[in-house]
Structures are given as structure tokens and as C-alpha cells.
Amino acid sequence: FVFLIMTGSMGYGHTAGLVDAFMERGEGSTVVVMTGHNESLRA
């Protein structure tokens, strides 16, 4: 499975917690995270 997470152009929301929730569910899937223009979120 490929899951796409979009945070808007500003990178809104608690994205790290969402990615962590996916990682807790084991292997076999890929998460693509779009951070928009939010450089602090990307970092």
C-alpha cells in the first residue's frame, strides 16, 4: 500500500504523529508526506 499525506501548502497539522501511527502498524506499506512550503515541518 502507498498512503499519501497532504498537509496543505503551509504544512498544517501534527504530521509527525500521523507518520508515527503508520510506522506502528508494521512493514509492507509506504507513506509519502507532502510538507508544502513548511521547511520547519520538513526538518
ModelCIF file with pLDDT and N, C-alpha, C, O atoms, coordinates in Angstrom:
data_MODEL
#
_entry.id   MODEL 
#
_entity.id                         1 
_entity.type                       polymer 
_entity.pdbx_number_of_molecules   1 
#
_entity_poly.entity_id                      1 
_entity_poly.type                           'polypeptide(L)' 
_entity_poly.nstd_linkage                   no 
_entity_poly.nstd_monomer                   no 
_entity_poly.pdbx_seq_one_letter_code       FVFLIMTGSMGYGHTAGLVDAFMERGEGSTVVVMTGHNESLRA 
_entity_poly.pdbx_seq_one_letter_code_can   FVFLIMTGSMGYGHTAGLVDAFMERGEGSTVVVMTGHNESLRA 
_entity_poly.pdbx_strand_id                 A 
#
loop_
_entity_poly_seq.entity_id 
_entity_poly_seq.num 
_entity_poly_seq.mon_id 
_entity_poly_seq.hetero 
1 1  PHE n 
1 2  VAL n 
1 3  PHE n 
1 4  LEU n 
1 5  ILE n 
1 6  MET n 
1 7  THR n 
1 8  GLY n 
1 9  SER n 
1 10 MET n 
1 11 GLY n 
1 12 TYR n 
1 13 GLY n 
1 14 HIS n 
1 15 THR n 
1 16 ALA n 
1 17 GLY n 
1 18 LEU n 
1 19 VAL n 
1 20 ASP n 
1 21 ALA n 
1 22 PHE n 
1 23 MET n 
1 24 GLU n 
1 25 ARG n 
1 26 GLY n 
1 27 GLU n 
1 28 GLY n 
1 29 SER n 
1 30 THR n 
1 31 VAL n 
1 32 VAL n 
1 33 VAL n 
1 34 MET n 
1 35 THR n 
1 36 GLY n 
1 37 HIS n 
1 38 ASN n 
1 39 GLU n 
1 40 SER n 
1 41 LEU n 
1 42 ARG n 
1 43 ALA n 
#
_struct_asym.id          A 
_struct_asym.entity_id   1 
#
loop_
_ma_qa_metric.id 
_ma_qa_metric.mode 
_ma_qa_metric.name 
_ma_qa_metric.software_group_id 
_ma_qa_metric.type 
1 global pLDDT . pLDDT 
2 local  pLDDT . pLDDT 
#
_ma_qa_metric_global.metric_id      1 
_ma_qa_metric_global.metric_value   85.00 
_ma_qa_metric_global.model_id       1 
_ma_qa_metric_global.ordinal_id     1 
#
loop_
_ma_qa_metric_local.label_asym_id 
_ma_qa_metric_local.label_comp_id 
_ma_qa_metric_local.label_seq_id 
_ma_qa_metric_local.metric_id 
_ma_qa_metric_local.metric_value 
_ma_qa_metric_local.model_id 
_ma_qa_metric_local.ordinal_id 
A PHE 1  2 96.00 1 1  
A VAL 2  2 97.00 1 2  
A PHE 3  2 97.00 1 3  
A LEU 4  2 97.00 1 4  
A ILE 5  2 96.00 1 5  
A MET 6  2 93.00 1 6  
A THR 7  2 81.00 1 7  
A GLY 8  2 67.00 1 8  
A SER 9  2 56.00 1 9  
A MET 10 2 57.00 1 10 
A GLY 11 2 52.00 1 11 
A TYR 12 2 57.00 1 12 
A GLY 13 2 58.00 1 13 
A HIS 14 2 78.00 1 14 
A THR 15 2 89.00 1 15 
A ALA 16 2 89.00 1 16 
A GLY 17 2 91.00 1 17 
A LEU 18 2 93.00 1 18 
A VAL 19 2 93.00 1 19 
A ASP 20 2 93.00 1 20 
A ALA 21 2 93.00 1 21 
A PHE 22 2 93.00 1 22 
A MET 23 2 92.00 1 23 
A GLU 24 2 89.00 1 24 
A ARG 25 2 81.00 1 25 
A GLY 26 2 71.00 1 26 
A GLU 27 2 77.00 1 27 
A GLY 28 2 84.00 1 28 
A SER 29 2 93.00 1 29 
A THR 30 2 95.00 1 30 
A VAL 31 2 96.00 1 31 
A VAL 32 2 96.00 1 32 
A VAL 33 2 95.00 1 33 
A MET 34 2 93.00 1 34 
A THR 35 2 89.00 1 35 
A GLY 36 2 83.00 1 36 
A HIS 37 2 82.00 1 37 
A ASN 38 2 83.00 1 38 
A GLU 39 2 87.00 1 39 
A SER 40 2 86.00 1 40 
A LEU 41 2 88.00 1 41 
A ARG 42 2 89.00 1 42 
A ALA 43 2 90.00 1 43 
#
loop_
_atom_site.group_PDB 
_atom_site.id 
_atom_site.type_symbol 
_atom_site.label_atom_id 
_atom_site.label_alt_id 
_atom_site.label_comp_id 
_atom_site.label_asym_id 
_atom_site.label_entity_id 
_atom_site.label_seq_id 
_atom_site.pdbx_PDB_ins_code 
_atom_site.Cartn_x 
_atom_site.Cartn_y 
_atom_site.Cartn_z 
_atom_site.occupancy 
_atom_site.B_iso_or_equiv 
_atom_site.pdbx_formal_charge 
_atom_site.auth_seq_id 
_atom_site.auth_comp_id 
_atom_site.auth_asym_id 
_atom_site.auth_atom_id 
_atom_site.pdbx_PDB_model_num 
ATOM 1   N N  . PHE A 1 1  ? 0.834  -1.204 0.000  1.00 96.00 ? 1  PHE A N  1 
ATOM 2   C CA . PHE A 1 1  ? 0.000  0.000  0.000  1.00 96.00 ? 1  PHE A CA 1 
ATOM 3   C C  . PHE A 1 1  ? 0.868  1.253  0.000  1.00 96.00 ? 1  PHE A C  1 
ATOM 4   O O  . PHE A 1 1  ? 1.942  1.286  0.600  1.00 96.00 ? 1  PHE A O  1 
ATOM 5   N N  . VAL A 1 2  ? 0.378  2.279  -0.686 1.00 97.00 ? 2  VAL A N  1 
ATOM 6   C CA . VAL A 1 2  ? 1.005  3.609  -0.633 1.00 97.00 ? 2  VAL A CA 1 
ATOM 7   C C  . VAL A 1 2  ? -0.034 4.579  -0.082 1.00 97.00 ? 2  VAL A C  1 
ATOM 8   O O  . VAL A 1 2  ? -1.127 4.726  -0.630 1.00 97.00 ? 2  VAL A O  1 
ATOM 9   N N  . PHE A 1 3  ? 0.331  5.235  1.010  1.00 97.00 ? 3  PHE A N  1 
ATOM 10  C CA . PHE A 1 3  ? -0.531 6.238  1.636  1.00 97.00 ? 3  PHE A CA 1 
ATOM 11  C C  . PHE A 1 3  ? 0.070  7.615  1.392  1.00 97.00 ? 3  PHE A C  1 
ATOM 12  O O  . PHE A 1 3  ? 1.258  7.838  1.627  1.00 97.00 ? 3  PHE A O  1 
ATOM 13  N N  . LEU A 1 4  ? -0.758 8.527  0.922  1.00 97.00 ? 4  LEU A N  1 
ATOM 14  C CA . LEU A 1 4  ? -0.311 9.893  0.637  1.00 97.00 ? 4  LEU A CA 1 
ATOM 15  C C  . LEU A 1 4  ? -0.854 10.833 1.699  1.00 97.00 ? 4  LEU A C  1 
ATOM 16  O O  . LEU A 1 4  ? -2.067 10.922 1.891  1.00 97.00 ? 4  LEU A O  1 
ATOM 17  N N  . ILE A 1 5  ? 0.040  11.538 2.395  1.00 96.00 ? 5  ILE A N  1 
ATOM 18  C CA . ILE A 1 5  ? -0.360 12.521 3.406  1.00 96.00 ? 5  ILE A CA 1 
ATOM 19  C C  . ILE A 1 5  ? -0.091 13.910 2.858  1.00 96.00 ? 5  ILE A C  1 
ATOM 20  O O  . ILE A 1 5  ? 1.048  14.253 2.541  1.00 96.00 ? 5  ILE A O  1 
ATOM 21  N N  . MET A 1 6  ? -1.144 14.708 2.747  1.00 93.00 ? 6  MET A N  1 
ATOM 22  C CA . MET A 1 6  ? -1.009 16.087 2.286  1.00 93.00 ? 6  MET A CA 1 
ATOM 23  C C  . MET A 1 6  ? -1.335 17.030 3.431  1.00 93.00 ? 6  MET A C  1 
ATOM 24  O O  . MET A 1 6  ? -2.332 16.847 4.129  1.00 93.00 ? 6  MET A O  1 
ATOM 25  N N  . THR A 1 7  ? -0.495 18.039 3.623  1.00 81.00 ? 7  THR A N  1 
ATOM 26  C CA . THR A 1 7  ? -0.641 18.955 4.755  1.00 81.00 ? 7  THR A CA 1 
ATOM 27  C C  . THR A 1 7  ? -1.012 20.363 4.317  1.00 81.00 ? 7  THR A C  1 
ATOM 28  O O  . THR A 1 7  ? -1.004 21.290 5.127  1.00 81.00 ? 7  THR A O  1 
ATOM 29  N N  . GLY A 1 8  ? -1.339 20.532 3.031  1.00 67.00 ? 8  GLY A N  1 
ATOM 30  C CA . GLY A 1 8  ? -1.643 21.870 2.538  1.00 67.00 ? 8  GLY A CA 1 
ATOM 31  C C  . GLY A 1 8  ? -0.370 22.610 2.186  1.00 67.00 ? 8  GLY A C  1 
ATOM 32  O O  . GLY A 1 8  ? 0.725  22.169 2.534  1.00 67.00 ? 8  GLY A O  1 
ATOM 33  N N  . SER A 1 9  ? -0.507 23.732 1.499  1.00 56.00 ? 9  SER A N  1 
ATOM 34  C CA . SER A 1 9  ? 0.673  24.487 1.071  1.00 56.00 ? 9  SER A CA 1 
ATOM 35  C C  . SER A 1 9  ? 1.482  25.002 2.250  1.00 56.00 ? 9  SER A C  1 
ATOM 36  O O  . SER A 1 9  ? 2.668  25.303 2.113  1.00 56.00 ? 9  SER A O  1 
ATOM 37  N N  . MET A 1 10 ? 0.826  25.106 3.434  1.00 57.00 ? 10 MET A N  1 
ATOM 38  C CA . MET A 1 10 ? 1.506  25.659 4.610  1.00 57.00 ? 10 MET A CA 1 
ATOM 39  C C  . MET A 1 10 ? 2.061  24.577 5.524  1.00 57.00 ? 10 MET A C  1 
ATOM 40  O O  . MET A 1 10 ? 2.759  24.887 6.490  1.00 57.00 ? 10 MET A O  1 
ATOM 41  N N  . GLY A 1 11 ? 1.764  23.309 5.237  1.00 52.00 ? 11 GLY A N  1 
ATOM 42  C CA . GLY A 1 11 ? 2.256  22.240 6.096  1.00 52.00 ? 11 GLY A CA 1 
ATOM 43  C C  . GLY A 1 11 ? 1.566  22.228 7.443  1.00 52.00 ? 11 GLY A C  1 
ATOM 44  O O  . GLY A 1 11 ? 2.225  22.246 8.482  1.00 52.00 ? 11 GLY A O  1 
ATOM 45  N N  . TYR A 1 12 ? 0.235  22.199 7.434  1.00 57.00 ? 12 TYR A N  1 
ATOM 46  C CA . TYR A 1 12 ? -0.547 22.292 8.668  1.00 57.00 ? 12 TYR A CA 1 
ATOM 47  C C  . TYR A 1 12 ? -0.735 20.923 9.305  1.00 57.00 ? 12 TYR A C  1 
ATOM 48  O O  . TYR A 1 12 ? -0.817 19.911 8.608  1.00 57.00 ? 12 TYR A O  1 
ATOM 49  N N  . GLY A 1 13 ? -0.804 20.896 10.646 1.00 58.00 ? 13 GLY A N  1 
ATOM 50  C CA . GLY A 1 13 ? -1.196 19.691 11.371 1.00 58.00 ? 13 GLY A CA 1 
ATOM 51  C C  . GLY A 1 13 ? -0.044 19.003 12.081 1.00 58.00 ? 13 GLY A C  1 
ATOM 52  O O  . GLY A 1 13 ? 1.119  19.356 11.888 1.00 58.00 ? 13 GLY A O  1 
ATOM 53  N N  . HIS A 1 14 ? -0.379 18.013 12.908 1.00 78.00 ? 14 HIS A N  1 
ATOM 54  C CA . HIS A 1 14 ? 0.610  17.245 13.670 1.00 78.00 ? 14 HIS A CA 1 
ATOM 55  C C  . HIS A 1 14 ? 1.034  16.042 12.831 1.00 78.00 ? 14 HIS A C  1 
ATOM 56  O O  . HIS A 1 14 ? 0.657  14.901 13.098 1.00 78.00 ? 14 HIS A O  1 
ATOM 57  N N  . THR A 1 15 ? 1.828  16.340 11.813 1.00 89.00 ? 15 THR A N  1 
ATOM 58  C CA . THR A 1 15 ? 2.146  15.332 10.807 1.00 89.00 ? 15 THR A CA 1 
ATOM 59  C C  . THR A 1 15 ? 3.036  14.227 11.347 1.00 89.00 ? 15 THR A C  1 
ATOM 60  O O  . THR A 1 15 ? 2.845  13.062 10.996 1.00 89.00 ? 15 THR A O  1 
ATOM 61  N N  . ALA A 1 16 ? 4.006  14.562 12.193 1.00 89.00 ? 16 ALA A N  1 
ATOM 62  C CA . ALA A 1 16 ? 4.916  13.547 12.726 1.00 89.00 ? 16 ALA A CA 1 
ATOM 63  C C  . ALA A 1 16 ? 4.150  12.477 13.490 1.00 89.00 ? 16 ALA A C  1 
ATOM 64  O O  . ALA A 1 16 ? 4.460  11.291 13.378 1.00 89.00 ? 16 ALA A O  1 
ATOM 65  N N  . GLY A 1 17 ? 3.163  12.882 14.258 1.00 91.00 ? 17 GLY A N  1 
ATOM 66  C CA . GLY A 1 17 ? 2.354  11.915 14.993 1.00 91.00 ? 17 GLY A CA 1 
ATOM 67  C C  . GLY A 1 17 ? 1.595  10.993 14.062 1.00 91.00 ? 17 GLY A C  1 
ATOM 68  O O  . GLY A 1 17 ? 1.406  9.815  14.367 1.00 91.00 ? 17 GLY A O  1 
ATOM 69  N N  . LEU A 1 18 ? 1.158  11.521 12.926 1.00 93.00 ? 18 LEU A N  1 
ATOM 70  C CA . LEU A 1 18 ? 0.433  10.713 11.950 1.00 93.00 ? 18 LEU A CA 1 
ATOM 71  C C  . LEU A 1 18 ? 1.368  9.694  11.298 1.00 93.00 ? 18 LEU A C  1 
ATOM 72  O O  . LEU A 1 18 ? 1.002  8.532  11.125 1.00 93.00 ? 18 LEU A O  1 
ATOM 73  N N  . VAL A 1 19 ? 2.567  10.133 10.941 1.00 93.00 ? 19 VAL A N  1 
ATOM 74  C CA . VAL A 1 19 ? 3.537  9.206  10.348 1.00 93.00 ? 19 VAL A CA 1 
ATOM 75  C C  . VAL A 1 19 ? 3.906  8.123  11.358 1.00 93.00 ? 19 VAL A C  1 
ATOM 76  O O  . VAL A 1 19 ? 4.023  6.952  10.997 1.00 93.00 ? 19 VAL A O  1 
ATOM 77  N N  . ASP A 1 20 ? 4.091  8.507  12.614 1.00 93.00 ? 20 ASP A N  1 
ATOM 78  C CA . ASP A 1 20 ? 4.403  7.531  13.666 1.00 93.00 ? 20 ASP A CA 1 
ATOM 79  C C  . ASP A 1 20 ? 3.303  6.476  13.779 1.00 93.00 ? 20 ASP A C  1 
ATOM 80  O O  . ASP A 1 20 ? 3.582  5.294  13.980 1.00 93.00 ? 20 ASP A O  1 
ATOM 81  N N  . ALA A 1 21 ? 2.061  6.912  13.651 1.00 93.00 ? 21 ALA A N  1 
ATOM 82  C CA . ALA A 1 21 ? 0.931  5.976  13.746 1.00 93.00 ? 21 ALA A CA 1 
ATOM 83  C C  . ALA A 1 21 ? 0.987  4.940  12.625 1.00 93.00 ? 21 ALA A C  1 
ATOM 84  O O  . ALA A 1 21 ? 0.625  3.781  12.829 1.00 93.00 ? 21 ALA A O  1 
ATOM 85  N N  . PHE A 1 22 ? 1.435  5.351  11.456 1.00 93.00 ? 22 PHE A N  1 
ATOM 86  C CA . PHE A 1 22 ? 1.583  4.397  10.354 1.00 93.00 ? 22 PHE A CA 1 
ATOM 87  C C  . PHE A 1 22 ? 2.752  3.439  10.608 1.00 93.00 ? 22 PHE A C  1 
ATOM 88  O O  . PHE A 1 22 ? 2.663  2.246  10.315 1.00 93.00 ? 22 PHE A O  1 
ATOM 89  N N  . MET A 1 23 ? 3.842  3.974  11.154 1.00 92.00 ? 23 MET A N  1 
ATOM 90  C CA . MET A 1 23 ? 5.018  3.138  11.405 1.00 92.00 ? 23 MET A CA 1 
ATOM 91  C C  . MET A 1 23 ? 4.738  2.069  12.461 1.00 92.00 ? 23 MET A C  1 
ATOM 92  O O  . MET A 1 23 ? 5.354  1.003  12.441 1.00 92.00 ? 23 MET A O  1 
ATOM 93  N N  . GLU A 1 24 ? 3.829  2.342  13.368 1.00 89.00 ? 24 GLU A N  1 
ATOM 94  C CA . GLU A 1 24 ? 3.488  1.379  14.416 1.00 89.00 ? 24 GLU A CA 1 
ATOM 95  C C  . GLU A 1 24 ? 2.722  0.174  13.880 1.00 89.00 ? 24 GLU A C  1 
ATOM 96  O O  . GLU A 1 24 ? 2.597  -0.839 14.568 1.00 89.00 ? 24 GLU A O  1 
ATOM 97  N N  . ARG A 1 25 ? 2.215  0.280  12.670 1.00 81.00 ? 25 ARG A N  1 
ATOM 98  C CA . ARG A 1 25 ? 1.376  -0.784 12.121 1.00 81.00 ? 25 ARG A CA 1 
ATOM 99  C C  . ARG A 1 25 ? 2.172  -1.812 11.320 1.00 81.00 ? 25 ARG A C  1 
ATOM 100 O O  . ARG A 1 25 ? 1.589  -2.646 10.628 1.00 81.00 ? 25 ARG A O  1 
ATOM 101 N N  . GLY A 1 26 ? 3.488  -1.757 11.412 1.00 71.00 ? 26 GLY A N  1 
ATOM 102 C CA . GLY A 1 26 ? 4.305  -2.778 10.766 1.00 71.00 ? 26 GLY A CA 1 
ATOM 103 C C  . GLY A 1 26 ? 4.728  -2.422 9.362  1.00 71.00 ? 26 GLY A C  1 
ATOM 104 O O  . GLY A 1 26 ? 4.395  -1.351 8.853  1.00 71.00 ? 26 GLY A O  1 
ATOM 105 N N  . GLU A 1 27 ? 5.467  -3.328 8.732  1.00 77.00 ? 27 GLU A N  1 
ATOM 106 C CA . GLU A 1 27 ? 6.050  -3.081 7.428  1.00 77.00 ? 27 GLU A CA 1 
ATOM 107 C C  . GLU A 1 27 ? 5.070  -3.440 6.295  1.00 77.00 ? 27 GLU A C  1 
ATOM 108 O O  . GLU A 1 27 ? 3.946  -3.883 6.536  1.00 77.00 ? 27 GLU A O  1 
ATOM 109 N N  . GLY A 1 28 ? 5.534  -3.234 5.061  1.00 84.00 ? 28 GLY A N  1 
ATOM 110 C CA . GLY A 1 28 ? 4.726  -3.604 3.913  1.00 84.00 ? 28 GLY A CA 1 
ATOM 111 C C  . GLY A 1 28 ? 3.964  -2.465 3.280  1.00 84.00 ? 28 GLY A C  1 
ATOM 112 O O  . GLY A 1 28 ? 3.198  -2.689 2.342  1.00 84.00 ? 28 GLY A O  1 
ATOM 113 N N  . SER A 1 29 ? 4.150  -1.236 3.767  1.00 93.00 ? 29 SER A N  1 
ATOM 114 C CA . SER A 1 29 ? 3.473  -0.081 3.183  1.00 93.00 ? 29 SER A CA 1 
ATOM 115 C C  . SER A 1 29 ? 4.435  1.098  3.117  1.00 93.00 ? 29 SER A C  1 
ATOM 116 O O  . SER A 1 29 ? 5.450  1.131  3.812  1.00 93.00 ? 29 SER A O  1 
ATOM 117 N N  . THR A 1 30 ? 4.094  2.072  2.262  1.00 95.00 ? 30 THR A N  1 
ATOM 118 C CA . THR A 1 30 ? 4.910  3.273  2.095  1.00 95.00 ? 30 THR A CA 1 
ATOM 119 C C  . THR A 1 30 ? 4.052  4.496  2.377  1.00 95.00 ? 30 THR A C  1 
ATOM 120 O O  . THR A 1 30 ? 2.899  4.571  1.952  1.00 95.00 ? 30 THR A O  1 
ATOM 121 N N  . VAL A 1 31 ? 4.623  5.449  3.096  1.00 96.00 ? 31 VAL A N  1 
ATOM 122 C CA . VAL A 1 31 ? 3.937  6.701  3.395  1.00 96.00 ? 31 VAL A CA 1 
ATOM 123 C C  . VAL A 1 31 ? 4.671  7.836  2.679  1.00 96.00 ? 31 VAL A C  1 
ATOM 124 O O  . VAL A 1 31 ? 5.869  8.032  2.886  1.00 96.00 ? 31 VAL A O  1 
ATOM 125 N N  . VAL A 1 32 ? 3.962  8.570  1.850  1.00 96.00 ? 32 VAL A N  1 
ATOM 126 C CA . VAL A 1 32 ? 4.518  9.748  1.177  1.00 96.00 ? 32 VAL A CA 1 
ATOM 127 C C  . VAL A 1 32 ? 3.935  10.978 1.856  1.00 96.00 ? 32 VAL A C  1 
ATOM 128 O O  . VAL A 1 32 ? 2.717  11.136 1.924  1.00 96.00 ? 32 VAL A O  1 
ATOM 129 N N  . VAL A 1 33 ? 4.808  11.853 2.361  1.00 95.00 ? 33 VAL A N  1 
ATOM 130 C CA . VAL A 1 33 ? 4.366  13.036 3.094  1.00 95.00 ? 33 VAL A CA 1 
ATOM 131 C C  . VAL A 1 33 ? 4.741  14.292 2.309  1.00 95.00 ? 33 VAL A C  1 
ATOM 132 O O  . VAL A 1 33 ? 5.915  14.539 2.036  1.00 95.00 ? 33 VAL A O  1 
ATOM 133 N N  . MET A 1 34 ? 3.727  15.081 1.951  1.00 93.00 ? 34 MET A N  1 
ATOM 134 C CA . MET A 1 34 ? 3.966  16.355 1.293  1.00 93.00 ? 34 MET A CA 1 
ATOM 135 C C  . MET A 1 34 ? 3.946  17.461 2.340  1.00 93.00 ? 34 MET A C  1 
ATOM 136 O O  . MET A 1 34 ? 2.926  17.680 2.993  1.00 93.00 ? 34 MET A O  1 
ATOM 137 N N  . THR A 1 35 ? 5.063  18.154 2.502  1.00 89.00 ? 35 THR A N  1 
ATOM 138 C CA . THR A 1 35 ? 5.182  19.167 3.555  1.00 89.00 ? 35 THR A CA 1 
ATOM 139 C C  . THR A 1 35 ? 4.922  20.581 3.056  1.00 89.00 ? 35 THR A C  1 
ATOM 140 O O  . THR A 1 35 ? 5.020  21.538 3.825  1.00 89.00 ? 35 THR A O  1 
ATOM 141 N N  . GLY A 1 36 ? 4.592  20.722 1.782  1.00 83.00 ? 36 GLY A N  1 
ATOM 142 C CA . GLY A 1 36 ? 4.295  22.058 1.263  1.00 83.00 ? 36 GLY A CA 1 
ATOM 143 C C  . GLY A 1 36 ? 5.498  22.977 1.364  1.00 83.00 ? 36 GLY A C  1 
ATOM 144 O O  . GLY A 1 36 ? 6.631  22.560 1.123  1.00 83.00 ? 36 GLY A O  1 
ATOM 145 N N  . HIS A 1 37 ? 5.248  24.230 1.723  1.00 82.00 ? 37 HIS A N  1 
ATOM 146 C CA . HIS A 1 37 ? 6.327  25.210 1.867  1.00 82.00 ? 37 HIS A CA 1 
ATOM 147 C C  . HIS A 1 37 ? 6.847  25.288 3.301  1.00 82.00 ? 37 HIS A C  1 
ATOM 148 O O  . HIS A 1 37 ? 7.640  26.170 3.629  1.00 82.00 ? 37 HIS A O  1 
ATOM 149 N N  . ASN A 1 38 ? 6.405  24.373 4.147  1.00 83.00 ? 38 ASN A N  1 
ATOM 150 C CA . ASN A 1 38 ? 6.767  24.416 5.568  1.00 83.00 ? 38 ASN A CA 1 
ATOM 151 C C  . ASN A 1 38 ? 8.110  23.727 5.788  1.00 83.00 ? 38 ASN A C  1 
ATOM 152 O O  . ASN A 1 38 ? 8.169  22.511 5.970  1.00 83.00 ? 38 ASN A O  1 
ATOM 153 N N  . GLU A 1 39 ? 9.185  24.508 5.772  1.00 87.00 ? 39 GLU A N  1 
ATOM 154 C CA . GLU A 1 39 ? 10.532 23.955 5.926  1.00 87.00 ? 39 GLU A CA 1 
ATOM 155 C C  . GLU A 1 39 ? 10.774 23.413 7.328  1.00 87.00 ? 39 GLU A C  1 
ATOM 156 O O  . GLU A 1 39 ? 11.519 22.449 7.499  1.00 87.00 ? 39 GLU A O  1 
ATOM 157 N N  . SER A 1 40 ? 10.157 24.019 8.320  1.00 86.00 ? 40 SER A N  1 
ATOM 158 C CA . SER A 1 40 ? 10.342 23.524 9.692  1.00 86.00 ? 40 SER A CA 1 
ATOM 159 C C  . SER A 1 40 ? 9.711  22.147 9.856  1.00 86.00 ? 40 SER A C  1 
ATOM 160 O O  . SER A 1 40 ? 10.255 21.300 10.564 1.00 86.00 ? 40 SER A O  1 
ATOM 161 N N  . LEU A 1 41 ? 8.570  21.913 9.211  1.00 88.00 ? 41 LEU A N  1 
ATOM 162 C CA . LEU A 1 41 ? 7.943  20.595 9.253  1.00 88.00 ? 41 LEU A CA 1 
ATOM 163 C C  . LEU A 1 41 ? 8.821  19.569 8.544  1.00 88.00 ? 41 LEU A C  1 
ATOM 164 O O  . LEU A 1 41 ? 9.005  18.452 9.028  1.00 88.00 ? 41 LEU A O  1 
ATOM 165 N N  . ARG A 1 42 ? 9.351  19.956 7.410  1.00 89.00 ? 42 ARG A N  1 
ATOM 166 C CA . ARG A 1 42 ? 10.229 19.041 6.681  1.00 89.00 ? 42 ARG A CA 1 
ATOM 167 C C  . ARG A 1 42 ? 11.442 18.670 7.536  1.00 89.00 ? 42 ARG A C  1 
ATOM 168 O O  . ARG A 1 42 ? 11.827 17.502 7.590  1.00 89.00 ? 42 ARG A O  1 
ATOM 169 N N  . ALA A 1 43 ? 12.042 19.653 8.198  1.00 90.00 ? 43 ALA A N  1 
ATOM 170 C CA . ALA A 1 43 ? 13.206 19.394 9.046  1.00 90.00 ? 43 ALA A CA 1 
ATOM 171 C C  . ALA A 1 43 ? 12.837 18.501 10.231 1.00 90.00 ? 43 ALA A C  1 
ATOM 172 O O  . ALA A 1 43 ? 13.696 18.179 11.052 1.00 90.00 ? 43 ALA A O  1 
#
